[in-house]
Amino acid sequence: MKKIISVLLLGIAILTFAFSDMALAVDGAALFSANCAQCHARGKNLVNPSKSLKKTDLEKYEMYSSEAIIAQITKGKGAMPAFGKKLKADEIQGIAAYVLEQAEKGWKK
């Protein structure tokens, strides 16, 4: 009986580790669409058009890094609200990764 329980526990542990990355993965595109696209559709900035999410503007305003984007999403700034209490850290990281990926592509799908 102890051997069966040990094997079951080992199996559960293996499955937990095997699928933990998939369970933890966040969809940055979906999160961006749900939380950011109202003001930043296709990388634009409806509130302040000169500060878009395009690569040139992100670089110009020293925002072209995960750290800078994560801080902006978390704390907010100016007209942009803070999302630090609404979103989990991994969700904010997912959005930041998505923004950088899209900036590299010129916000073209």
C-alpha atoms as a PDB file:
ATOM      1  CA  MET A   1       0.000   0.000   0.000  1.00  0.00           C
ATOM      2  CA  LYS A   2       2.844   2.416   0.843  1.00  0.00           C
ATOM      3  CA  LYS A   3       4.438   1.658  -2.511  1.00  0.00           C
ATOM      4  CA  ILE A   4       1.234   2.485  -4.393  1.00  0.00           C
ATOM      5  CA  ILE A   5       0.836   5.774  -2.531  1.00  0.00           C
ATOM      6  CA  SER A   6       4.488   6.646  -3.187  1.00  0.00           C
ATOM      7  CA  VAL A   7       4.077   5.934  -6.901  1.00  0.00           C
ATOM      8  CA  LEU A   8       0.899   8.024  -7.053  1.00  0.00           C
ATOM      9  CA  LEU A   9       2.540  10.941  -5.272  1.00  0.00           C
ATOM     10  CA  LEU A  10       5.551  10.732  -7.569  1.00  0.00           C
ATOM     11  CA  GLY A  11       3.229  10.709 -10.584  1.00  0.00           C
ATOM     12  CA  ILE A  12       1.373  13.758  -9.317  1.00  0.00           C
ATOM     13  CA  ALA A  13       4.653  15.581  -8.698  1.00  0.00           C
ATOM     14  CA  ILE A  14       5.912  14.782 -12.204  1.00  0.00           C
ATOM     15  CA  LEU A  15       2.665  15.925 -13.814  1.00  0.00           C
ATOM     16  CA  THR A  16       2.659  19.104 -11.758  1.00  0.00           C
ATOM     17  CA  PHE A  17       6.165  20.049 -12.876  1.00  0.00           C
ATOM     18  CA  ALA A  18       5.561  18.943 -16.459  1.00  0.00           C
ATOM     19  CA  PHE A  19       2.523  21.166 -16.882  1.00  0.00           C
ATOM     20  CA  SER A  20       3.436  24.064 -14.587  1.00  0.00           C
ATOM     21  CA  ASP A  21       4.874  26.159 -17.435  1.00  0.00           C
ATOM     22  CA  MET A  22       1.692  25.728 -19.448  1.00  0.00           C
ATOM     23  CA  ALA A  23      -0.479  26.598 -16.456  1.00  0.00           C
ATOM     24  CA  LEU A  24       1.576  29.700 -15.713  1.00  0.00           C
ATOM     25  CA  ALA A  25       1.725  30.974 -19.283  1.00  0.00           C
ATOM     26  CA  VAL A  26      -0.176  34.199 -19.823  1.00  0.00           C
ATOM     27  CA  ASP A  27      -1.551  35.545 -23.065  1.00  0.00           C
ATOM     28  CA  GLY A  28      -0.037  39.014 -23.359  1.00  0.00           C
ATOM     29  CA  ALA A  29      -2.048  39.769 -26.498  1.00  0.00           C
ATOM     30  CA  ALA A  30      -5.368  38.971 -24.821  1.00  0.00           C
ATOM     31  CA  LEU A  31      -4.417  40.919 -21.692  1.00  0.00           C
ATOM     32  CA  PHE A  32      -3.352  43.902 -23.811  1.00  0.00           C
ATOM     33  CA  SER A  33      -6.616  43.731 -25.724  1.00  0.00           C
ATOM     34  CA  ALA A  34      -8.676  43.615 -22.524  1.00  0.00           C
ATOM     35  CA  ASN A  35      -6.771  46.269 -20.563  1.00  0.00           C
ATOM     36  CA  CYS A  36      -4.775  48.510 -22.882  1.00  0.00           C
ATOM     37  CA  ALA A  37      -6.252  48.568 -26.379  1.00  0.00           C
ATOM     38  CA  GLN A  38      -8.888  51.147 -25.454  1.00  0.00           C
ATOM     39  CA  CYS A  39      -6.137  53.774 -25.430  1.00  0.00           C
ATOM     40  CA  HIS A  40      -3.350  51.944 -27.275  1.00  0.00           C
ATOM     41  CA  ALA A  41      -5.019  50.177 -30.224  1.00  0.00           C
ATOM     42  CA  ARG A  42      -2.386  49.123 -32.783  1.00  0.00           C
ATOM     43  CA  GLY A  43       0.329  50.759 -30.689  1.00  0.00           C
ATOM     44  CA  LYS A  44      -1.168  54.228 -30.800  1.00  0.00           C
ATOM     45  CA  ASN A  45      -1.806  56.532 -27.868  1.00  0.00           C
ATOM     46  CA  LEU A  46      -5.240  58.133 -28.060  1.00  0.00           C
ATOM     47  CA  VAL A  47      -4.547  60.432 -25.096  1.00  0.00           C
ATOM     48  CA  ASN A  48      -1.103  61.670 -26.205  1.00  0.00           C
ATOM     49  CA  PRO A  49      -0.383  60.698 -29.842  1.00  0.00           C
ATOM     50  CA  SER A  50       3.278  61.754 -29.607  1.00  0.00           C
ATOM     51  CA  LYS A  51       3.925  59.016 -27.027  1.00  0.00           C
ATOM     52  CA  SER A  52       2.833  55.918 -28.908  1.00  0.00           C
ATOM     53  CA  LEU A  53       3.971  52.345 -28.328  1.00  0.00           C
ATOM     54  CA  LYS A  54       5.908  52.348 -31.575  1.00  0.00           C
ATOM     55  CA  LYS A  55       9.570  51.468 -31.256  1.00  0.00           C
ATOM     56  CA  THR A  56      10.843  54.938 -32.154  1.00  0.00           C
ATOM     57  CA  ASP A  57       8.691  56.586 -29.475  1.00  0.00           C
ATOM     58  CA  LEU A  58       9.516  53.952 -26.861  1.00  0.00           C
ATOM     59  CA  GLU A  59      13.213  54.534 -27.526  1.00  0.00           C
ATOM     60  CA  LYS A  60      12.818  58.323 -27.588  1.00  0.00           C
ATOM     61  CA  TYR A  61      11.145  58.339 -24.166  1.00  0.00           C
ATOM     62  CA  GLU A  62      13.460  55.660 -22.711  1.00  0.00           C
ATOM     63  CA  MET A  63      10.647  53.131 -22.464  1.00  0.00           C
ATOM     64  CA  TYR A  64      12.073  50.445 -24.761  1.00  0.00           C
ATOM     65  CA  SER A  65      12.713  47.812 -22.082  1.00  0.00           C
ATOM     66  CA  SER A  66      10.660  45.303 -20.137  1.00  0.00           C
ATOM     67  CA  GLU A  67      11.568  47.031 -16.894  1.00  0.00           C
ATOM     68  CA  ALA A  68      10.360  50.447 -18.042  1.00  0.00           C
ATOM     69  CA  ILE A  69       7.122  49.111 -19.500  1.00  0.00           C
ATOM     70  CA  ILE A  70       6.430  46.966 -16.429  1.00  0.00           C
ATOM     71  CA  ALA A  71       6.953  49.995 -14.182  1.00  0.00           C
ATOM     72  CA  GLN A  72       4.617  52.114 -16.330  1.00  0.00           C
ATOM     73  CA  ILE A  73       1.875  49.475 -16.319  1.00  0.00           C
ATOM     74  CA  THR A  74       2.275  48.793 -12.613  1.00  0.00           C
ATOM     75  CA  LYS A  75       2.465  52.364 -11.321  1.00  0.00           C
ATOM     76  CA  GLY A  76       0.789  54.323 -14.104  1.00  0.00           C
ATOM     77  CA  LYS A  77       1.894  57.823 -15.068  1.00  0.00           C
ATOM     78  CA  GLY A  78       0.097  60.966 -16.142  1.00  0.00           C
ATOM     79  CA  ALA A  79      -3.267  60.031 -17.655  1.00  0.00           C
ATOM     80  CA  MET A  80      -2.400  56.322 -17.617  1.00  0.00           C
ATOM     81  CA  PRO A  81      -3.861  54.518 -14.609  1.00  0.00           C
ATOM     82  CA  ALA A  82      -1.885  52.066 -12.496  1.00  0.00           C
ATOM     83  CA  PHE A  83      -2.677  48.405 -13.107  1.00  0.00           C
ATOM     84  CA  GLY A  84      -0.522  47.023 -10.285  1.00  0.00           C
ATOM     85  CA  LYS A  85      -3.512  46.144  -8.123  1.00  0.00           C
ATOM     86  CA  LYS A  86      -5.683  44.916 -10.989  1.00  0.00           C
ATOM     87  CA  LEU A  87      -3.193  42.628 -12.741  1.00  0.00           C
ATOM     88  CA  LYS A  88      -0.804  40.005 -11.406  1.00  0.00           C
ATOM     89  CA  ALA A  89       2.937  40.448 -11.924  1.00  0.00           C
ATOM     90  CA  ASP A  90       3.087  37.690 -14.553  1.00  0.00           C
ATOM     91  CA  GLU A  91       0.193  39.296 -16.443  1.00  0.00           C
ATOM     92  CA  ILE A  92       1.989  42.650 -16.483  1.00  0.00           C
ATOM     93  CA  GLN A  93       5.149  40.914 -17.698  1.00  0.00           C
ATOM     94  CA  GLY A  94       3.108  39.250 -20.450  1.00  0.00           C
ATOM     95  CA  ILE A  95       1.743  42.597 -21.601  1.00  0.00           C
ATOM     96  CA  ALA A  96       5.233  44.127 -21.561  1.00  0.00           C
ATOM     97  CA  ALA A  97       6.586  41.261 -23.664  1.00  0.00           C
ATOM     98  CA  TYR A  98       3.703  41.665 -26.096  1.00  0.00           C
ATOM     99  CA  VAL A  99       4.280  45.434 -26.397  1.00  0.00           C
ATOM    100  CA  LEU A 100       7.986  44.923 -27.140  1.00  0.00           C
ATOM    101  CA  GLU A 101       7.235  42.151 -29.637  1.00  0.00           C
ATOM    102  CA  GLN A 102       4.689  44.306 -31.457  1.00  0.00           C
ATOM    103  CA  ALA A 103       6.968  47.345 -31.394  1.00  0.00           C
ATOM    104  CA  GLU A 104       9.635  45.255 -33.135  1.00  0.00           C
ATOM    105  CA  LYS A 105       7.081  44.245 -35.786  1.00  0.00           C
ATOM    106  CA  GLY A 106       5.848  47.810 -36.264  1.00  0.00           C
ATOM    107  CA  TRP A 107       2.489  46.823 -34.746  1.00  0.00           C
ATOM    108  CA  LYS A 108       1.629  44.781 -37.836  1.00  0.00           C
ATOM    109  CA  LYS A 109      -0.038  41.440 -37.259  1.00  0.00           C
END
